[in-house]
Structures are given as structure tokens and as C-alpha cells.
N, C-alpha and C. Protein backbone atom coordinates (compact mmCIF):
# COMPACT_ATOMS: atom_id res chain seq x y z
N MET A 1 8.75 19.04 16.02
CA MET A 1 7.00 19.13 15.52
C MET A 1 7.16 17.68 14.62
N PHE A 2 6.02 17.00 14.71
CA PHE A 2 5.75 16.15 14.03
C PHE A 2 5.86 15.98 12.89
N VAL A 3 5.08 16.47 11.94
CA VAL A 3 5.05 17.51 10.48
C VAL A 3 6.02 17.31 9.84
N GLN A 4 7.13 17.93 10.55
CA GLN A 4 8.24 18.80 9.99
C GLN A 4 9.01 17.35 9.52
N ASP A 5 9.04 16.26 10.78
CA ASP A 5 9.87 15.15 10.62
C ASP A 5 9.64 14.39 9.42
N ILE A 6 8.06 14.62 8.91
CA ILE A 6 7.82 13.86 7.09
C ILE A 6 8.56 13.96 6.09
N ASN A 7 8.96 12.76 6.14
CA ASN A 7 9.65 12.93 4.56
C ASN A 7 8.80 12.54 3.42
N LEU A 8 8.15 13.68 2.96
CA LEU A 8 7.12 13.48 1.77
C LEU A 8 7.16 12.39 0.71
N GLY A 9 8.73 12.14 0.34
CA GLY A 9 9.14 11.76 -0.65
C GLY A 9 9.14 10.14 -0.54
N GLU A 10 9.62 9.57 1.28
CA GLU A 10 9.48 8.51 1.55
C GLU A 10 7.74 8.00 1.42
N VAL A 11 6.98 8.98 1.53
CA VAL A 11 6.08 8.94 2.03
C VAL A 11 5.38 8.69 1.00
N TYR A 12 5.32 9.08 0.05
CA TYR A 12 4.82 9.22 -1.70
C TYR A 12 5.62 7.57 -1.64
N LEU A 13 6.49 7.43 -1.85
CA LEU A 13 7.16 6.32 -1.97
C LEU A 13 5.91 5.02 -1.34
N SER A 14 6.00 5.63 0.09
CA SER A 14 5.46 3.78 0.14
C SER A 14 3.84 3.71 -0.29
N ILE A 15 3.54 4.99 0.19
CA ILE A 15 2.26 4.87 -0.39
C ILE A 15 1.82 4.04 -2.10
N LEU A 16 2.80 4.48 -2.60
CA LEU A 16 2.73 4.06 -3.95
C LEU A 16 2.97 2.72 -4.05
N GLY A 17 3.37 1.70 -3.53
CA GLY A 17 3.92 0.49 -3.35
C GLY A 17 2.72 0.12 -2.72
N LEU A 18 2.56 0.74 -1.53
CA LEU A 18 0.73 0.09 -0.46
C LEU A 18 -0.17 -0.17 -1.97
N ILE A 19 -0.36 1.05 -2.71
CA ILE A 19 -1.27 0.81 -3.68
C ILE A 19 -1.28 -0.42 -4.44
N ILE A 20 0.46 -0.27 -5.33
CA ILE A 20 0.77 -1.97 -5.83
C ILE A 20 0.46 -3.30 -5.13
N GLY A 21 0.72 -3.22 -3.62
CA GLY A 21 0.30 -4.37 -3.36
C GLY A 21 -1.37 -4.85 -2.70
N THR A 22 -1.56 -3.77 -2.35
CA THR A 22 -3.57 -3.68 -2.44
C THR A 22 -4.10 -4.84 -3.55
N LEU A 23 -3.99 -4.04 -4.46
CA LEU A 23 -4.28 -4.00 -5.85
C LEU A 23 -3.30 -5.34 -6.17
N VAL A 24 -2.74 -5.59 -6.19
CA VAL A 24 -2.11 -7.34 -5.92
C VAL A 24 -3.01 -8.21 -5.28
N ALA A 25 -3.28 -7.60 -3.95
CA ALA A 25 -3.38 -8.72 -2.65
C ALA A 25 -5.28 -8.99 -3.62
N ALA A 26 -5.80 -7.78 -4.20
CA ALA A 26 -7.43 -7.80 -4.75
C ALA A 26 -7.90 -8.72 -5.94
N SER A 27 -6.38 -8.64 -6.44
CA SER A 27 -6.49 -9.45 -7.50
C SER A 27 -6.73 -10.98 -6.78
N VAL A 28 -5.57 -11.26 -6.38
CA VAL A 28 -5.59 -12.93 -5.60
C VAL A 28 -7.05 -12.86 -5.18
N LEU A 29 -7.58 -12.17 -4.13
CA LEU A 29 -8.31 -12.17 -3.62
C LEU A 29 -9.70 -12.85 -4.30
N ALA A 30 -9.98 -12.12 -5.70
CA ALA A 30 -11.03 -12.47 -6.22
C ALA A 30 -10.75 -13.65 -7.18
N LEU A 31 -9.69 -14.45 -7.35
CA LEU A 31 -9.46 -15.13 -8.21
C LEU A 31 -8.95 -16.52 -7.56
N VAL A 32 -8.84 -16.91 -6.32
CA VAL A 32 -7.61 -17.82 -5.51
C VAL A 32 -8.27 -18.13 -3.98
N SER A 33 -8.92 -19.59 -3.56
CA SER A 33 -8.72 -19.58 -2.62
C SER A 33 -7.67 -19.46 -1.66
N LEU A 34 -7.64 -18.90 -0.29
CA LEU A 34 -7.09 -18.39 0.49
C LEU A 34 -6.41 -19.02 1.94
N ASP A 35 -6.79 -20.13 1.90
CA ASP A 35 -7.20 -21.02 3.27
C ASP A 35 -5.82 -21.25 3.78
N HIS A 36 -4.27 -21.09 3.61
CA HIS A 36 -3.59 -20.97 3.73
C HIS A 36 -2.71 -20.12 4.12
N LEU A 37 -2.28 -18.81 3.32
CA LEU A 37 -1.89 -17.93 2.55
C LEU A 37 -1.11 -16.98 4.22
N PRO A 38 -2.57 -16.73 4.89
CA PRO A 38 -1.90 -16.09 5.91
C PRO A 38 -1.17 -16.59 6.91
N ARG A 39 -1.58 -17.95 7.29
CA ARG A 39 0.60 -19.01 7.51
C ARG A 39 0.75 -18.72 7.31
N VAL A 40 1.13 -19.05 5.63
CA VAL A 40 2.64 -18.64 4.90
C VAL A 40 3.02 -17.11 5.48
N PHE A 41 2.10 -16.07 5.14
CA PHE A 41 2.69 -14.91 5.76
C PHE A 41 3.08 -15.25 7.29
N GLY A 42 2.69 -15.78 7.96
CA GLY A 42 2.65 -15.85 9.73
C GLY A 42 4.09 -16.05 9.44
N LEU A 43 4.42 -17.19 9.05
CA LEU A 43 6.07 -17.58 8.52
C LEU A 43 7.34 -17.20 8.30
N ILE A 44 6.71 -16.75 6.97
CA ILE A 44 7.79 -15.14 6.56
C ILE A 44 8.18 -14.15 7.51
N ILE A 45 6.76 -14.03 8.14
CA ILE A 45 7.23 -12.25 8.88
C ILE A 45 8.19 -13.40 10.14
N ILE A 46 8.23 -14.43 10.59
CA ILE A 46 9.01 -14.98 11.81
C ILE A 46 10.28 -15.03 11.00
N VAL A 47 10.27 -15.80 10.12
CA VAL A 47 11.47 -15.98 9.39
C VAL A 47 12.02 -14.49 9.41
N ALA A 48 11.95 -13.56 9.01
CA ALA A 48 12.18 -12.06 8.46
C ALA A 48 12.34 -11.90 10.36
N VAL A 49 11.68 -11.67 11.06
CA VAL A 49 12.38 -11.18 12.88
C VAL A 49 13.73 -11.91 12.73
N THR A 50 13.69 -12.94 12.95
CA THR A 50 14.72 -14.14 13.16
C THR A 50 16.08 -13.69 12.73
N ILE A 51 15.87 -13.41 11.17
CA ILE A 51 16.98 -12.73 10.32
C ILE A 51 17.50 -11.60 10.98
N SER A 52 16.37 -10.73 10.87
CA SER A 52 16.41 -9.27 11.41
C SER A 52 17.23 -9.35 13.50
N ALA A 53 17.03 -10.04 13.73
CA ALA A 53 17.54 -9.97 15.24
C ALA A 53 18.37 -10.69 15.63
N LEU A 54 19.10 -11.41 14.28
CA LEU A 54 20.41 -11.61 13.95
C LEU A 54 21.59 -10.75 13.14
N GLY A 55 20.68 -9.98 12.89
CA GLY A 55 21.75 -8.72 12.74
C GLY A 55 21.71 -8.54 11.11
N VAL A 56 21.27 -9.14 10.39
CA VAL A 56 20.98 -8.53 8.89
C VAL A 56 19.96 -7.99 8.95
N HIS A 57 19.91 -6.46 7.88
CA HIS A 57 18.46 -5.79 7.93
C HIS A 57 18.32 -5.94 6.41
N LEU A 58 17.71 -4.71 6.29
CA LEU A 58 17.63 -3.86 4.45
C LEU A 58 18.31 -2.19 5.17
N PRO A 59 18.48 -1.82 4.07
CA PRO A 59 18.99 -0.21 4.17
C PRO A 59 17.62 0.41 3.44
N LEU A 60 17.87 1.33 4.22
CA LEU A 60 16.77 2.40 3.71
C LEU A 60 16.87 2.75 2.67
N THR A 61 16.51 2.35 1.67
CA THR A 61 16.38 2.87 0.29
C THR A 61 14.76 3.45 -0.54
N LYS A 62 14.69 3.92 -1.57
CA LYS A 62 13.75 4.16 -2.18
C LYS A 62 13.21 2.50 -2.68
N SER A 63 13.79 1.48 -3.20
CA SER A 63 13.39 0.37 -3.51
C SER A 63 13.13 -0.61 -2.36
N THR A 64 13.67 -0.40 -1.11
CA THR A 64 13.22 -1.46 -0.19
C THR A 64 12.49 -0.54 0.73
N ILE A 65 11.59 0.77 0.06
CA ILE A 65 10.40 1.09 0.38
C ILE A 65 9.60 1.09 -0.16
N VAL A 66 9.57 0.49 -1.78
CA VAL A 66 8.95 0.19 -2.12
C VAL A 66 8.05 -1.48 -2.26
N GLY A 67 9.33 -1.71 -1.94
CA GLY A 67 8.94 -3.34 -1.74
C GLY A 67 8.42 -3.93 -0.90
N ALA A 68 8.66 -3.34 0.57
CA ALA A 68 8.43 -3.43 1.56
C ALA A 68 6.79 -3.06 2.39
N SER A 69 6.53 -1.79 0.91
CA SER A 69 5.38 -1.63 1.33
C SER A 69 4.01 -1.99 0.23
N THR A 70 4.61 -2.49 -0.81
CA THR A 70 4.26 -3.47 -1.92
C THR A 70 3.81 -4.64 -0.98
N ALA A 71 4.58 -5.67 -0.37
CA ALA A 71 4.92 -6.55 0.69
C ALA A 71 3.70 -6.22 1.69
N ALA A 72 3.46 -4.85 2.54
CA ALA A 72 2.86 -4.62 3.20
C ALA A 72 1.69 -4.49 2.91
N GLY A 73 1.12 -3.97 1.38
CA GLY A 73 -0.18 -3.83 1.27
C GLY A 73 -0.77 -5.31 0.14
N VAL A 74 -0.14 -6.57 0.20
CA VAL A 74 -0.38 -7.93 -0.25
C VAL A 74 -0.92 -8.52 1.48
N MET A 75 0.26 -8.53 2.28
CA MET A 75 -0.21 -9.13 3.57
C MET A 75 -1.23 -8.54 4.29
N GLY A 76 -1.84 -6.85 4.33
CA GLY A 76 -2.50 -6.25 5.06
C GLY A 76 -3.80 -6.53 4.75
N THR A 77 -3.52 -6.59 3.37
CA THR A 77 -4.70 -6.83 2.57
C THR A 77 -5.46 -7.99 2.80
N ILE A 78 -4.85 -9.25 2.07
CA ILE A 78 -5.19 -10.29 2.67
C ILE A 78 -5.14 -10.81 3.87
N ALA A 79 -3.95 -10.41 4.79
CA ALA A 79 -4.16 -11.39 6.30
C ALA A 79 -4.29 -10.03 7.58
N GLY A 80 -4.60 -9.05 6.98
CA GLY A 80 -4.97 -8.15 8.19
C GLY A 80 -3.41 -7.59 8.97
N VAL A 81 -2.31 -7.68 8.41
CA VAL A 81 -1.35 -7.65 9.01
C VAL A 81 -0.29 -6.46 8.13
N HIS A 82 -0.42 -5.18 7.91
CA HIS A 82 0.56 -4.27 7.32
C HIS A 82 1.78 -3.96 7.95
N GLY A 83 1.83 -3.66 9.35
CA GLY A 83 3.60 -3.48 9.67
C GLY A 83 4.67 -3.98 9.63
N PRO A 84 4.94 -5.89 9.94
CA PRO A 84 5.92 -5.78 9.27
C PRO A 84 6.90 -5.25 8.75
N PRO A 85 6.00 -5.86 7.47
CA PRO A 85 7.43 -5.74 6.12
C PRO A 85 7.68 -4.32 6.08
N ILE A 86 7.38 -2.60 6.35
CA ILE A 86 7.56 -1.74 6.47
C ILE A 86 8.09 -1.28 7.43
N ALA A 87 7.90 -1.85 9.20
CA ALA A 87 8.81 -1.70 9.96
C ALA A 87 9.96 -1.99 9.91
N PHE A 88 10.43 -3.11 9.36
CA PHE A 88 11.37 -4.03 9.64
C PHE A 88 12.39 -3.21 8.55
N VAL A 89 11.53 -1.93 7.61
CA VAL A 89 12.60 -1.09 7.20
C VAL A 89 13.20 0.08 7.78
N TYR A 90 12.22 0.30 8.68
CA TYR A 90 12.74 1.31 9.54
C TYR A 90 13.37 0.85 10.86
N GLN A 91 13.19 -0.60 11.44
CA GLN A 91 13.69 -0.50 12.38
C GLN A 91 14.80 0.32 13.23
N ARG A 92 15.65 0.39 12.81
CA ARG A 92 16.95 1.49 13.16
C ARG A 92 17.53 2.58 12.72
N GLU A 93 16.39 3.18 12.21
CA GLU A 93 16.17 4.37 12.54
C GLU A 93 15.78 5.14 14.15
N LYS A 94 16.04 6.77 14.01
CA LYS A 94 15.43 7.13 15.33
C LYS A 94 13.93 6.95 15.67
N PRO A 95 13.15 6.65 16.94
CA PRO A 95 11.96 6.80 17.00
C PRO A 95 10.81 7.79 16.41
N ALA A 96 11.74 8.77 16.06
CA ALA A 96 10.74 10.19 15.66
C ALA A 96 10.48 9.75 13.98
N ARG A 97 11.54 9.46 13.46
CA ARG A 97 11.58 8.87 12.27
C ARG A 97 10.83 8.07 11.80
N ILE A 98 11.21 6.97 12.53
CA ILE A 98 9.77 5.77 12.67
C ILE A 98 8.29 5.84 12.50
N ARG A 99 8.07 7.19 13.41
CA ARG A 99 7.05 7.85 13.82
C ARG A 99 6.05 7.94 12.31
N ALA A 100 7.10 8.89 12.36
CA ALA A 100 6.90 10.25 10.85
C ALA A 100 6.87 9.74 9.77
N ALA A 101 7.25 8.06 9.55
CA ALA A 101 7.04 7.36 8.32
C ALA A 101 6.30 6.25 8.59
N LEU A 102 5.85 5.79 9.15
CA LEU A 102 4.94 5.01 10.03
C LEU A 102 3.43 5.35 10.23
N LEU A 103 3.34 6.68 10.36
CA LEU A 103 1.84 7.29 10.66
C LEU A 103 1.26 7.72 9.93
N PRO A 104 1.83 7.97 8.65
CA PRO A 104 1.02 8.49 7.72
C PRO A 104 0.58 6.79 6.44
N PHE A 105 1.30 6.02 6.75
CA PHE A 105 1.25 4.78 5.74
C PHE A 105 0.07 4.01 6.25
N PHE A 106 0.08 4.17 7.62
CA PHE A 106 -1.18 3.31 8.68
C PHE A 106 -2.55 4.12 8.42
N ALA A 107 -2.06 5.48 8.66
CA ALA A 107 -3.06 6.34 7.97
C ALA A 107 -4.15 5.67 6.69
N VAL A 108 -3.40 5.44 6.28
CA VAL A 108 -3.85 4.80 4.60
C VAL A 108 -3.89 3.75 4.25
N ALA A 109 -2.83 2.94 4.62
CA ALA A 109 -3.26 1.35 4.98
C ALA A 109 -4.54 0.72 4.91
N ASN A 110 -4.88 0.98 6.02
CA ASN A 110 -6.58 0.34 6.82
C ASN A 110 -7.54 0.82 5.61
N PRO A 111 -7.78 1.85 5.33
CA PRO A 111 -8.90 2.33 4.53
C PRO A 111 -8.45 1.82 3.28
N LEU A 112 -7.32 1.71 2.76
CA LEU A 112 -6.83 1.28 1.18
C LEU A 112 -7.55 -0.37 1.49
N SER A 113 -6.88 -1.05 2.14
CA SER A 113 -7.49 -2.66 1.94
C SER A 113 -8.94 -2.30 2.18
N LEU A 114 -9.51 -1.79 3.17
CA LEU A 114 -11.09 -2.01 3.24
C LEU A 114 -11.63 -1.64 1.69
N LEU A 115 -11.35 -0.72 0.80
CA LEU A 115 -12.17 -0.27 -0.35
C LEU A 115 -11.68 -1.51 -1.17
N ALA A 116 -10.72 -1.78 -1.24
CA ALA A 116 -9.77 -3.25 -1.68
C ALA A 116 -11.06 -4.32 -1.81
N LEU A 117 -11.18 -4.70 -0.44
CA LEU A 117 -11.88 -5.79 -0.12
C LEU A 117 -13.42 -5.29 -0.16
N ALA A 118 -14.02 -4.58 -0.09
CA ALA A 118 -15.22 -4.27 -0.55
C ALA A 118 -15.41 -4.10 -2.43
N PHE A 119 -14.31 -4.39 -3.13
CA PHE A 119 -14.36 -4.16 -4.58
C PHE A 119 -14.45 -5.41 -4.53
N VAL A 120 -14.21 -6.67 -4.31
CA VAL A 120 -13.88 -7.78 -4.40
C VAL A 120 -14.92 -8.70 -3.52
N GLY A 121 -15.72 -7.91 -2.92
CA GLY A 121 -16.79 -8.57 -2.24
C GLY A 121 -16.48 -9.60 -0.86
N GLN A 122 -15.13 -9.02 -0.50
CA GLN A 122 -14.85 -9.03 0.83
C GLN A 122 -14.79 -8.60 2.10
N PHE A 123 -15.69 -7.66 1.81
CA PHE A 123 -16.06 -6.68 3.39
C PHE A 123 -16.94 -6.90 3.52
N GLY A 124 -17.41 -7.43 4.99
CA GLY A 124 -18.76 -7.43 5.74
C GLY A 124 -18.33 -6.59 7.10
N TRP A 125 -19.00 -7.12 8.13
CA TRP A 125 -19.40 -6.65 9.58
C TRP A 125 -18.03 -7.23 10.25
N ARG A 126 -17.43 -8.43 9.34
CA ARG A 126 -15.84 -8.42 9.93
C ARG A 126 -14.80 -8.03 10.41
N GLU A 127 -14.62 -7.08 9.26
CA GLU A 127 -14.05 -6.11 8.46
C GLU A 127 -14.15 -5.07 9.49
N VAL A 128 -15.22 -4.31 9.56
CA VAL A 128 -15.77 -3.47 9.81
C VAL A 128 -15.56 -3.55 11.81
N TYR A 129 -16.04 -4.37 12.35
CA TYR A 129 -15.66 -4.45 13.56
C TYR A 129 -14.13 -5.06 13.80
N ALA A 130 -13.14 -5.52 12.89
CA ALA A 130 -11.67 -5.60 12.84
C ALA A 130 -11.52 -4.04 13.29
N SER A 131 -11.76 -3.21 12.50
CA SER A 131 -11.14 -1.44 12.05
C SER A 131 -11.74 -0.72 13.28
N ILE A 132 -12.64 -1.41 13.79
CA ILE A 132 -13.51 -0.46 15.07
C ILE A 132 -12.54 -0.81 16.17
N LEU A 133 -11.99 -2.03 16.43
CA LEU A 133 -11.05 -2.42 17.38
C LEU A 133 -9.55 -1.84 17.26
N LEU A 134 -9.50 -1.36 16.21
CA LEU A 134 -8.23 -0.98 16.54
C LEU A 134 -7.95 0.43 16.28
N LEU A 135 -9.60 1.42 16.90
CA LEU A 135 -9.56 2.75 17.03
C LEU A 135 -8.71 3.11 18.32
N PRO A 136 -8.79 2.73 19.18
CA PRO A 136 -8.62 3.12 20.67
C PRO A 136 -7.15 3.14 20.58
N GLY A 137 -6.31 1.84 20.23
CA GLY A 137 -4.92 1.69 20.13
C GLY A 137 -4.46 2.64 19.25
N LEU A 138 -4.84 2.56 17.79
CA LEU A 138 -4.67 4.24 17.47
C LEU A 138 -4.67 5.45 17.43
N ALA A 139 -5.22 5.67 18.16
CA ALA A 139 -5.78 7.32 18.75
C ALA A 139 -5.31 7.11 20.19
N ALA A 140 -4.33 5.89 20.82
CA ALA A 140 -3.84 6.25 22.22
C ALA A 140 -2.47 6.27 21.47
N GLY A 141 -1.54 5.22 20.10
CA GLY A 141 -0.58 6.01 19.43
C GLY A 141 0.01 6.97 19.08
N TYR A 142 -1.17 7.70 18.51
CA TYR A 142 -1.16 9.26 18.02
C TYR A 142 -1.32 10.06 19.65
N LEU A 143 -1.74 9.71 20.35
CA LEU A 143 -1.78 10.71 22.03
C LEU A 143 -0.53 10.82 22.69
N PHE A 144 -0.19 9.26 22.62
CA PHE A 144 1.28 8.97 23.85
C PHE A 144 2.59 9.30 23.22
N ALA A 145 2.46 8.73 21.52
CA ALA A 145 3.94 8.89 20.91
C ALA A 145 4.95 10.09 21.26
N PRO A 146 4.33 11.02 21.39
CA PRO A 146 5.17 12.22 21.02
C PRO A 146 6.03 12.36 22.46
N VAL A 147 5.26 12.24 23.56
CA VAL A 147 6.08 11.99 25.06
C VAL A 147 6.79 10.32 24.57
N LEU A 148 6.12 9.09 24.50
CA LEU A 148 7.12 7.97 24.34
C LEU A 148 8.65 7.86 23.22
N ILE A 149 8.73 8.80 22.42
CA ILE A 149 9.60 8.90 21.32
C ILE A 149 10.78 9.85 22.30
N ARG A 150 10.47 10.41 23.19
CA ARG A 150 11.71 11.47 24.10
C ARG A 150 12.27 10.34 24.71
N ALA A 151 10.96 9.60 25.34
CA ALA A 151 11.66 8.42 26.46
C ALA A 151 11.74 7.45 26.20
N LEU A 152 11.85 7.01 25.20
CA LEU A 152 12.54 5.17 24.53
C LEU A 152 13.51 5.68 23.75
N SER A 153 14.82 4.62 23.86
CA SER A 153 15.93 5.06 23.15
C SER A 153 15.60 4.00 22.10
N SER A 154 16.52 4.18 21.26
CA SER A 154 16.31 3.18 19.32
C SER A 154 16.14 1.89 19.85
N ALA A 155 17.59 1.97 20.77
CA ALA A 155 17.12 -0.36 20.63
C ALA A 155 15.91 -0.86 21.38
N PHE A 156 15.28 0.06 22.42
CA PHE A 156 13.97 -0.36 22.51
C PHE A 156 12.99 -0.39 21.82
N VAL A 157 12.47 0.86 20.96
CA VAL A 157 11.70 0.53 19.80
C VAL A 157 11.89 -0.57 19.05
N ARG A 158 13.39 -0.39 18.56
CA ARG A 158 13.59 -1.77 17.24
C ARG A 158 13.05 -2.66 18.35
N ALA A 159 13.21 -3.46 19.42
CA ALA A 159 13.07 -4.59 20.18
C ALA A 159 11.99 -4.70 20.25
N ALA A 160 11.09 -3.73 19.96
CA ALA A 160 9.19 -3.66 20.75
C ALA A 160 8.85 -3.96 18.83
N ILE A 161 9.75 -3.13 17.54
CA ILE A 161 9.18 -3.71 16.19
C ILE A 161 9.03 -5.05 16.18
N LEU A 162 9.75 -5.58 16.34
CA LEU A 162 10.46 -6.71 16.28
C LEU A 162 9.54 -8.14 17.47
N LEU A 163 9.19 -7.48 18.02
CA LEU A 163 8.35 -8.25 19.74
C LEU A 163 7.13 -8.31 18.78
N VAL A 164 6.28 -6.78 18.42
CA VAL A 164 4.90 -6.90 17.50
C VAL A 164 5.14 -7.46 16.22
N SER A 165 6.20 -7.51 15.55
CA SER A 165 6.09 -8.26 14.16
C SER A 165 6.11 -9.82 14.66
N ALA A 166 6.71 -10.06 15.85
CA ALA A 166 6.72 -11.75 16.04
C ALA A 166 5.19 -11.75 16.21
N ALA A 167 4.84 -11.44 17.07
CA ALA A 167 3.47 -11.74 17.81
C ALA A 167 2.38 -11.91 16.87
N SER A 168 2.45 -10.89 15.81
CA SER A 168 1.98 -10.79 14.27
C SER A 168 1.67 -12.25 13.70
N GLY A 169 2.98 -12.71 13.40
CA GLY A 169 3.51 -13.66 12.71
C GLY A 169 2.85 -15.24 13.60
N VAL A 170 3.79 -15.18 15.03
CA VAL A 170 2.53 -16.08 15.46
C VAL A 170 0.97 -16.40 15.12
N GLY A 171 0.79 -14.39 15.40
CA GLY A 171 -0.62 -14.94 15.24
C GLY A 171 -1.66 -15.52 14.18
N LEU A 172 -0.83 -15.08 13.00
CA LEU A 172 -1.24 -15.83 11.49
C LEU A 172 -1.22 -17.01 11.87
N LEU A 173 0.02 -17.66 12.18
CA LEU A 173 0.12 -18.98 12.48
C LEU A 173 -0.86 -19.82 12.60
N VAL A 174 -1.05 -19.01 14.42
CA VAL A 174 -1.89 -19.86 15.08
C VAL A 174 -3.27 -20.05 14.39
N LYS A 175 -3.78 -18.20 14.18
CA LYS A 175 -5.08 -18.45 13.60
C LYS A 175 -5.46 -18.85 12.64
N GLY A 176 -4.44 -18.66 11.64
CA GLY A 176 -4.62 -18.33 9.99
C GLY A 176 -5.52 -17.25 9.51
């Protein structure tokens, strides 16, 4: 059962980091021009994927959860990419554990970022539209994940995390 797989301590830590990162991002957005920051984040993601693919990884600890979720809050609020930092920390876990950690995280991440963007006057129809575009994928993931978790190996899920993260990094580099 999915709810039983959730480690509430880790969820609380990731949401704490997410709140910290989102507040940092909102402060930065209120004070600084961010024309090139999404590209910087894209480059950071690509470097992290490369390092991870070479076998280096972060251990799953309270500190790495808070650090990664803080980075996710900053990157997600400023550039729209919450996933890679927190996914990197969980990439070597079993698929059910990854789902149990990331689903509650993402359920909080987007609404929190949208609130922060609204607070600093950076929320408009573009952000509403982008959020609506994410809903079908969110629903499909929620519906199909229980079946896929049993069918996909940990190695496949890890490769998918790295591939999607790399695509996010490239997208930020290209589109900015």
C-alpha cells in the first residue's frame, strides 16, 4: 500500500527544505534580474547528471534531503524545475520508495512556488497555463505508478531519473 510506504520524517524534511528554498527564490526574484539564471541551473543539472552517471552519488541522509529539497525549491520557483535535485538523492532507492518520497514532495512544490511567485508579483497566465499542462502527466503518473513500480527495475527507474533530469537541464540551457 502506497500510504504505508511514506516516510513522514523524510517528507517533513523535504518540505522544510522546499519552504526554505522557495523563500530564498522569492527573495531573489524580488531583488535581482534573472535573465541567465535558468541556464545556470540547466548547466548545474547536466553536470550533476554526468557526475551521477559516472557513479558518484549522495547518500540518503537528513542533511542531503534538506539540502536537495532546498535546491529544488530555489530552482523550481525560479526556473520551473523542482525534480532533479531531490530525485538525485533518491535515485538509488527502490521504485516504491522513490514514489513514496517524491509524490508528496511534488504535491507541495508547485502550489508553494506559485504562491511565492504571486507574492512577489511574478505570477500570471503563463504560470497558470504551465501548471495546467502538468496536470495530465500528474494524473497519469498517479494512476499508472502502482503498476509500473512492480514492472520496472530499480536500474530502469534510475536511468529514467537521470534521463528526465538531463532533458530538463538541456531544456533550461536551450530555452533559458
